[in-house]
Amino acid sequence: MRIGELAAASGLTAKTIRFYEQAGLLPEPPRTPGGYRDYPPQSRVRLAFVREAQSAGLTLAEIRSILALRDSGEAPCAHVADLIQQRLAGIERRLAELRATRTALRTLAERAATTDPSSCTDVDICSIIATRQTSDNEGLSASG
């Protein structure tokens, strides 16, 4: 199957298929006498797997490692399970960070709603986001 046919069958562009080939996700296919790529039918299955794995949040490097295991004759499912657990743990950490950021932003939004813009001093830069260092610096300039 030529690259255009594979692109139509997989829902990917020919450019993406070439990229996946260069990235080691799709084996280089044999060429026709005219020099065209001639992909075997299983290329569709492999491309569908790459798309699904990407939509699950796996990186191309992780997907390449899964495919390498499969290509070497090993069942990659234990490796996939480990990658999924690692990805979930990373998402949980990121969610905790985002919740903390949301809390901080809500505090700043409340402060912004009650702050008079004319109360900003040169030292504060912006009193909505005044830092503890600003307070420390005021003490230094008063004593110095």
Foldseek 3Di string as FASTA:
>chain_A
DFLVVLCVLQVHHSVVVVVCCVLQQAPFADADPVGTGDDDPCSSVSSNVVVVCVVLPDDSVLSNVCVVCVVVVHHCVVVVVVVSVVVVVVVVVVVVVVVVVVVVVVQLVVLVVPDDQVPDDPLQVGVSPRDPVSVVVVVVVVVD
